[in-house]
Amino acid sequence: MAKKVKINLKDLSTEELMEKVGEEKLRLQKLRFSHAVSPLENPNVLKKVRREIARVHTELRAREIGGQPVKS
């Protein structure tokens, strides 16, 4: 099984994080549709994608509260 390289969210710009949220939400939607049609081989992937979305939202909120400078 290939290891996935973990991306450090603090190194990404705000625009990149917003883009990542959109991509992950789209991925989650596609997974949910395919799971409704036929069961996924590994349904835990739904949980992993939801958690990734939450991680990105948490980083965005931390930047909003902390007034951290935006990387471009």
PDB file of N, CA and C in Angstrom:
ATOM      1  N   MET A   1       0.846  -1.177   0.000  1.00  0.00           N
ATOM      2  CA  MET A   1       0.000   0.000   0.000  1.00  0.00           C
ATOM      3  C   MET A   1       0.889   1.236   0.000  1.00  0.00           C
ATOM      4  N   ALA A   2       0.622   2.154  -0.894  1.00  0.00           N
ATOM      5  CA  ALA A   2       1.431   3.361  -1.013  1.00  0.00           C
ATOM      6  C   ALA A   2       1.108   4.318   0.125  1.00  0.00           C
ATOM      7  N   LYS A   3       2.135   4.971   0.627  1.00  0.00           N
ATOM      8  CA  LYS A   3       1.938   5.959   1.675  1.00  0.00           C
ATOM      9  C   LYS A   3       1.613   7.300   1.043  1.00  0.00           C
ATOM     10  N   LYS A   4       0.666   7.990   1.635  1.00  0.00           N
ATOM     11  CA  LYS A   4       0.277   9.301   1.137  1.00  0.00           C
ATOM     12  C   LYS A   4       1.134  10.349   1.844  1.00  0.00           C
ATOM     13  N   VAL A   5       1.654  11.273   1.066  1.00  0.00           N
ATOM     14  CA  VAL A   5       2.468  12.333   1.637  1.00  0.00           C
ATOM     15  C   VAL A   5       1.536  13.325   2.314  1.00  0.00           C
ATOM     16  N   LYS A   6       1.782  13.589   3.593  1.00  0.00           N
ATOM     17  CA  LYS A   6       0.935  14.498   4.347  1.00  0.00           C
ATOM     18  C   LYS A   6       1.319  15.937   4.027  1.00  0.00           C
ATOM     19  N   ILE A   7       0.332  16.735   3.695  1.00  0.00           N
ATOM     20  CA  ILE A   7       0.558  18.135   3.364  1.00  0.00           C
ATOM     21  C   ILE A   7       0.403  18.955   4.637  1.00  0.00           C
ATOM     22  N   ASN A   8       1.371  19.824   4.885  1.00  0.00           N
ATOM     23  CA  ASN A   8       1.288  20.702   6.034  1.00  0.00           C
ATOM     24  C   ASN A   8       0.397  21.880   5.661  1.00  0.00           C
ATOM     25  N   LEU A   9      -0.753  21.978   6.287  1.00  0.00           N
ATOM     26  CA  LEU A   9      -1.728  23.005   5.940  1.00  0.00           C
ATOM     27  C   LEU A   9      -1.235  24.407   6.273  1.00  0.00           C
ATOM     28  N   LYS A  10      -0.349  24.524   7.244  1.00  0.00           N
ATOM     29  CA  LYS A  10       0.153  25.846   7.627  1.00  0.00           C
ATOM     30  C   LYS A  10       1.047  26.448   6.557  1.00  0.00           C
ATOM     31  N   ASP A  11       1.580  25.611   5.679  1.00  0.00           N
ATOM     32  CA  ASP A  11       2.453  26.102   4.616  1.00  0.00           C
ATOM     33  C   ASP A  11       1.676  26.574   3.392  1.00  0.00           C
ATOM     34  N   LEU A  12       0.392  26.243   3.321  1.00  0.00           N
ATOM     35  CA  LEU A  12      -0.417  26.622   2.169  1.00  0.00           C
ATOM     36  C   LEU A  12      -0.997  28.020   2.359  1.00  0.00           C
ATOM     37  N   SER A  13      -1.220  28.710   1.245  1.00  0.00           N
ATOM     38  CA  SER A  13      -1.846  30.030   1.315  1.00  0.00           C
ATOM     39  C   SER A  13      -3.345  29.851   1.550  1.00  0.00           C
ATOM     40  N   THR A  14      -3.999  30.940   1.911  1.00  0.00           N
ATOM     41  CA  THR A  14      -5.436  30.893   2.160  1.00  0.00           C
ATOM     42  C   THR A  14      -6.194  30.492   0.902  1.00  0.00           C
ATOM     43  N   GLU A  15      -5.755  31.003  -0.248  1.00  0.00           N
ATOM     44  CA  GLU A  15      -6.415  30.656  -1.504  1.00  0.00           C
ATOM     45  C   GLU A  15      -6.283  29.158  -1.790  1.00  0.00           C
ATOM     46  N   GLU A  16      -5.106  28.612  -1.519  1.00  0.00           N
ATOM     47  CA  GLU A  16      -4.883  27.182  -1.736  1.00  0.00           C
ATOM     48  C   GLU A  16      -5.758  26.346  -0.798  1.00  0.00           C
ATOM     49  N   LEU A  17      -5.928  26.830   0.438  1.00  0.00           N
ATOM     50  CA  LEU A  17      -6.775  26.116   1.387  1.00  0.00           C
ATOM     51  C   LEU A  17      -8.237  26.137   0.940  1.00  0.00           C
ATOM     52  N   MET A  18      -8.690  27.283   0.445  1.00  0.00           N
ATOM     53  CA  MET A  18     -10.067  27.378  -0.042  1.00  0.00           C
ATOM     54  C   MET A  18     -10.278  26.431  -1.228  1.00  0.00           C
ATOM     55  N   GLU A  19      -9.277  26.359  -2.093  1.00  0.00           N
ATOM     56  CA  GLU A  19      -9.338  25.458  -3.243  1.00  0.00           C
ATOM     57  C   GLU A  19      -9.383  24.004  -2.783  1.00  0.00           C
ATOM     58  N   LYS A  20      -8.588  23.694  -1.758  1.00  0.00           N
ATOM     59  CA  LYS A  20      -8.540  22.330  -1.225  1.00  0.00           C
ATOM     60  C   LYS A  20      -9.887  21.939  -0.619  1.00  0.00           C
ATOM     61  N   VAL A  21     -10.541  22.871   0.071  1.00  0.00           N
ATOM     62  CA  VAL A  21     -11.862  22.590   0.641  1.00  0.00           C
ATOM     63  C   VAL A  21     -12.842  22.239  -0.472  1.00  0.00           C
ATOM     64  N   GLY A  22     -12.814  23.021  -1.534  1.00  0.00           N
ATOM     65  CA  GLY A  22     -13.709  22.753  -2.661  1.00  0.00           C
ATOM     66  C   GLY A  22     -13.461  21.393  -3.283  1.00  0.00           C
ATOM     67  N   GLU A  23     -12.191  21.058  -3.462  1.00  0.00           N
ATOM     68  CA  GLU A  23     -11.838  19.761  -4.048  1.00  0.00           C
ATOM     69  C   GLU A  23     -12.298  18.609  -3.162  1.00  0.00           C
ATOM     70  N   GLU A  24     -12.063  18.749  -1.858  1.00  0.00           N
ATOM     71  CA  GLU A  24     -12.421  17.674  -0.930  1.00  0.00           C
ATOM     72  C   GLU A  24     -13.938  17.527  -0.813  1.00  0.00           C
ATOM     73  N   LYS A  25     -14.674  18.643  -0.847  1.00  0.00           N
ATOM     74  CA  LYS A  25     -16.136  18.557  -0.797  1.00  0.00           C
ATOM     75  C   LYS A  25     -16.675  17.861  -2.040  1.00  0.00           C
ATOM     76  N   LEU A  26     -16.088  18.167  -3.183  1.00  0.00           N
ATOM     77  CA  LEU A  26     -16.495  17.509  -4.425  1.00  0.00           C
ATOM     78  C   LEU A  26     -16.183  16.014  -4.362  1.00  0.00           C
ATOM     79  N   ARG A  27     -15.014  15.689  -3.836  1.00  0.00           N
ATOM     80  CA  ARG A  27     -14.620  14.281  -3.681  1.00  0.00           C
ATOM     81  C   ARG A  27     -15.593  13.547  -2.753  1.00  0.00           C
ATOM     82  N   LEU A  28     -15.971  14.200  -1.643  1.00  0.00           N
ATOM     83  CA  LEU A  28     -16.900  13.593  -0.694  1.00  0.00           C
ATOM     84  C   LEU A  28     -18.263  13.368  -1.344  1.00  0.00           C
ATOM     85  N   GLN A  29     -18.718  14.336  -2.117  1.00  0.00           N
ATOM     86  CA  GLN A  29     -20.003  14.203  -2.794  1.00  0.00           C
ATOM     87  C   GLN A  29     -19.987  13.020  -3.766  1.00  0.00           C
ATOM     88  N   LYS A  30     -18.914  12.896  -4.536  1.00  0.00           N
ATOM     89  CA  LYS A  30     -18.806  11.782  -5.481  1.00  0.00           C
ATOM     90  C   LYS A  30     -18.766  10.440  -4.753  1.00  0.00           C
ATOM     91  N   LEU A  31     -18.034  10.397  -3.635  1.00  0.00           N
ATOM     92  CA  LEU A  31     -17.964   9.158  -2.864  1.00  0.00           C
ATOM     93  C   LEU A  31     -19.329   8.785  -2.295  1.00  0.00           C
ATOM     94  N   ARG A  32     -20.071   9.783  -1.812  1.00  0.00           N
ATOM     95  CA  ARG A  32     -21.404   9.508  -1.264  1.00  0.00           C
ATOM     96  C   ARG A  32     -22.342   8.968  -2.339  1.00  0.00           C
ATOM     97  N   PHE A  33     -22.287   9.563  -3.530  1.00  0.00           N
ATOM     98  CA  PHE A  33     -23.135   9.081  -4.615  1.00  0.00           C
ATOM     99  C   PHE A  33     -22.772   7.650  -4.996  1.00  0.00           C
ATOM    100  N   SER A  34     -21.491   7.381  -5.129  1.00  0.00           N
ATOM    101  CA  SER A  34     -21.086   6.028  -5.512  1.00  0.00           C
ATOM    102  C   SER A  34     -21.404   5.023  -4.400  1.00  0.00           C
ATOM    103  N   HIS A  35     -21.359   5.472  -3.147  1.00  0.00           N
ATOM    104  CA  HIS A  35     -21.689   4.595  -2.029  1.00  0.00           C
ATOM    105  C   HIS A  35     -23.195   4.301  -2.001  1.00  0.00           C
ATOM    106  N   ALA A  36     -24.008   5.255  -2.433  1.00  0.00           N
ATOM    107  CA  ALA A  36     -25.455   5.044  -2.469  1.00  0.00           C
ATOM    108  C   ALA A  36     -25.831   4.042  -3.557  1.00  0.00           C
ATOM    109  N   VAL A  37     -25.106   4.086  -4.673  1.00  0.00           N
ATOM    110  CA  VAL A  37     -25.394   3.180  -5.788  1.00  0.00           C
ATOM    111  C   VAL A  37     -24.921   1.769  -5.467  1.00  0.00           C
ATOM    112  N   SER A  38     -23.677   1.665  -5.069  1.00  0.00           N
ATOM    113  CA  SER A  38     -23.129   0.369  -4.677  1.00  0.00           C
ATOM    114  C   SER A  38     -22.158   0.607  -3.529  1.00  0.00           C
ATOM    115  N   PRO A  39     -22.146  -0.261  -2.541  1.00  0.00           N
ATOM    116  CA  PRO A  39     -21.298  -0.045  -1.368  1.00  0.00           C
ATOM    117  C   PRO A  39     -19.821   0.104  -1.732  1.00  0.00           C
ATOM    118  N   LEU A  40     -19.173   1.036  -1.055  1.00  0.00           N
ATOM    119  CA  LEU A  40     -17.743   1.228  -1.266  1.00  0.00           C
ATOM    120  C   LEU A  40     -16.976   0.055  -0.680  1.00  0.00           C
ATOM    121  N   GLU A  41     -15.828  -0.207  -1.266  1.00  0.00           N
ATOM    122  CA  GLU A  41     -14.980  -1.280  -0.753  1.00  0.00           C
ATOM    123  C   GLU A  41     -14.517  -0.936   0.661  1.00  0.00           C
ATOM    124  N   ASN A  42     -14.190   0.342   0.871  1.00  0.00           N
ATOM    125  CA  ASN A  42     -13.751   0.804   2.180  1.00  0.00           C
ATOM    126  C   ASN A  42     -14.559   2.050   2.554  1.00  0.00           C
ATOM    127  N   PRO A  43     -15.661   1.899   3.278  1.00  0.00           N
ATOM    128  CA  PRO A  43     -16.493   3.051   3.614  1.00  0.00           C
ATOM    129  C   PRO A  43     -15.830   4.027   4.593  1.00  0.00           C
ATOM    130  N   ASN A  44     -14.730   3.620   5.199  1.00  0.00           N
ATOM    131  CA  ASN A  44     -14.024   4.523   6.106  1.00  0.00           C
ATOM    132  C   ASN A  44     -13.409   5.704   5.376  1.00  0.00           C
ATOM    133  N   VAL A  45     -13.290   5.614   4.066  1.00  0.00           N
ATOM    134  CA  VAL A  45     -12.735   6.718   3.296  1.00  0.00           C
ATOM    135  C   VAL A  45     -13.645   7.946   3.404  1.00  0.00           C
ATOM    136  N   LEU A  46     -14.947   7.739   3.585  1.00  0.00           N
ATOM    137  CA  LEU A  46     -15.869   8.862   3.780  1.00  0.00           C
ATOM    138  C   LEU A  46     -15.492   9.649   5.035  1.00  0.00           C
ATOM    139  N   LYS A  47     -15.184   8.924   6.094  1.00  0.00           N
ATOM    140  CA  LYS A  47     -14.804   9.562   7.350  1.00  0.00           C
ATOM    141  C   LYS A  47     -13.489  10.320   7.196  1.00  0.00           C
ATOM    142  N   LYS A  48     -12.549   9.742   6.473  1.00  0.00           N
ATOM    143  CA  LYS A  48     -11.251  10.385   6.280  1.00  0.00           C
ATOM    144  C   LYS A  48     -11.382  11.690   5.507  1.00  0.00           C
ATOM    145  N   VAL A  49     -12.233  11.693   4.488  1.00  0.00           N
ATOM    146  CA  VAL A  49     -12.424  12.908   3.688  1.00  0.00           C
ATOM    147  C   VAL A  49     -13.114  13.980   4.529  1.00  0.00           C
ATOM    148  N   ARG A  50     -14.129  13.592   5.311  1.00  0.00           N
ATOM    149  CA  ARG A  50     -14.803  14.562   6.186  1.00  0.00           C
ATOM    150  C   ARG A  50     -13.822  15.176   7.174  1.00  0.00           C
ATOM    151  N   ARG A  51     -12.947  14.362   7.710  1.00  0.00           N
ATOM    152  CA  ARG A  51     -11.967  14.871   8.672  1.00  0.00           C
ATOM    153  C   ARG A  51     -10.959  15.799   8.014  1.00  0.00           C
ATOM    154  N   GLU A  52     -10.583  15.504   6.784  1.00  0.00           N
ATOM    155  CA  GLU A  52      -9.660  16.378   6.059  1.00  0.00           C
ATOM    156  C   GLU A  52     -10.303  17.740   5.815  1.00  0.00           C
ATOM    157  N   ILE A  53     -11.581  17.741   5.469  1.00  0.00           N
ATOM    158  CA  ILE A  53     -12.305  19.002   5.283  1.00  0.00           C
ATOM    159  C   ILE A  53     -12.319  19.782   6.597  1.00  0.00           C
ATOM    160  N   ALA A  54     -12.559  19.096   7.695  1.00  0.00           N
ATOM    161  CA  ALA A  54     -12.580  19.750   9.005  1.00  0.00           C
ATOM    162  C   ALA A  54     -11.211  20.326   9.356  1.00  0.00           C
ATOM    163  N   ARG A  55     -10.141  19.617   9.017  1.00  0.00           N
ATOM    164  CA  ARG A  55      -8.794  20.122   9.295  1.00  0.00           C
ATOM    165  C   ARG A  55      -8.525  21.425   8.545  1.00  0.00           C
ATOM    166  N   VAL A  56      -8.938  21.458   7.287  1.00  0.00           N
ATOM    167  CA  VAL A  56      -8.718  22.659   6.481  1.00  0.00           C
ATOM    168  C   VAL A  56      -9.553  23.812   7.025  1.00  0.00           C
ATOM    169  N   HIS A  57     -10.811  23.535   7.392  1.00  0.00           N
ATOM    170  CA  HIS A  57     -11.660  24.577   7.969  1.00  0.00           C
ATOM    171  C   HIS A  57     -11.071  25.098   9.282  1.00  0.00           C
ATOM    172  N   THR A  58     -10.500  24.217  10.069  1.00  0.00           N
ATOM    173  CA  THR A  58      -9.888  24.618  11.332  1.00  0.00           C
ATOM    174  C   THR A  58      -8.711  25.556  11.087  1.00  0.00           C
ATOM    175  N   GLU A  59      -7.885  25.245  10.109  1.00  0.00           N
ATOM    176  CA  GLU A  59      -6.747  26.103   9.786  1.00  0.00           C
ATOM    177  C   GLU A  59      -7.223  27.462   9.279  1.00  0.00           C
ATOM    178  N   LEU A  60      -8.251  27.474   8.440  1.00  0.00           N
ATOM    179  CA  LEU A  60      -8.788  28.743   7.945  1.00  0.00           C
ATOM    180  C   LEU A  60      -9.334  29.588   9.095  1.00  0.00           C
ATOM    181  N   ARG A  61     -10.041  28.959  10.007  1.00  0.00           N
ATOM    182  CA  ARG A  61     -10.605  29.684  11.154  1.00  0.00           C
ATOM    183  C   ARG A  61      -9.500  30.198  12.068  1.00  0.00           C
ATOM    184  N   ALA A  62      -8.461  29.424  12.268  1.00  0.00           N
ATOM    185  CA  ALA A  62      -7.339  29.858  13.104  1.00  0.00           C
ATOM    186  C   ALA A  62      -6.674  31.089  12.500  1.00  0.00           C
ATOM    187  N   ARG A  63      -6.563  31.124  11.191  1.00  0.00           N
ATOM    188  CA  ARG A  63      -5.985  32.289  10.529  1.00  0.00           C
ATOM    189  C   ARG A  63      -6.896  33.498  10.666  1.00  0.00           C
ATOM    190  N   GLU A  64      -8.187  33.267  10.590  1.00  0.00           N
ATOM    191  CA  GLU A  64      -9.152  34.355  10.707  1.00  0.00           C
ATOM    192  C   GLU A  64      -9.109  34.966  12.106  1.00  0.00           C
ATOM    193  N   ILE A  65      -9.050  34.130  13.111  1.00  0.00           N
ATOM    194  CA  ILE A  65      -9.034  34.603  14.493  1.00  0.00           C
ATOM    195  C   ILE A  65      -7.695  35.232  14.841  1.00  0.00           C
ATOM    196  N   GLY A  66      -6.626  34.566  14.463  1.00  0.00           N
ATOM    197  CA  GLY A  66      -5.294  35.008  14.843  1.00  0.00           C
ATOM    198  C   GLY A  66      -4.769  36.178  14.044  1.00  0.00           C
ATOM    199  N   GLY A  67      -5.415  36.500  12.947  1.00  0.00           N
ATOM    200  CA  GLY A  67      -4.925  37.590  12.120  1.00  0.00           C
ATOM    201  C   GLY A  67      -3.572  37.278  11.517  1.00  0.00           C
ATOM    202  N   GLN A  68      -3.342  36.000  11.272  1.00  0.00           N
ATOM    203  CA  GLN A  68      -2.075  35.564  10.706  1.00  0.00           C
ATOM    204  C   GLN A  68      -1.929  36.130   9.296  1.00  0.00           C
ATOM    205  N   PRO A  69      -0.745  36.600   8.942  1.00  0.00           N
ATOM    206  CA  PRO A  69      -0.561  37.138   7.595  1.00  0.00           C
ATOM    207  C   PRO A  69      -0.824  36.069   6.540  1.00  0.00           C
ATOM    208  N   VAL A  70      -1.427  36.492   5.449  1.00  0.00           N
ATOM    209  CA  VAL A  70      -1.795  35.579   4.377  1.00  0.00           C
ATOM    210  C   VAL A  70      -0.603  35.354   3.474  1.00  0.00           C
ATOM    211  N   LYS A  71      -0.265  34.076   3.223  1.00  0.00           N
ATOM    212  CA  LYS A  71       0.810  33.745   2.288  1.00  0.00           C
ATOM    213  C   LYS A  71       0.239  33.738   0.890  1.00  0.00           C
ATOM    214  N   SER A  72       0.971  34.320  -0.053  1.00  0.00           N
ATOM    215  CA  SER A  72       0.489  34.330  -1.442  1.00  0.00           C
ATOM    216  C   SER A  72       1.396  33.534  -2.324  1.00  0.00           C
TER     217      SER A  72
END
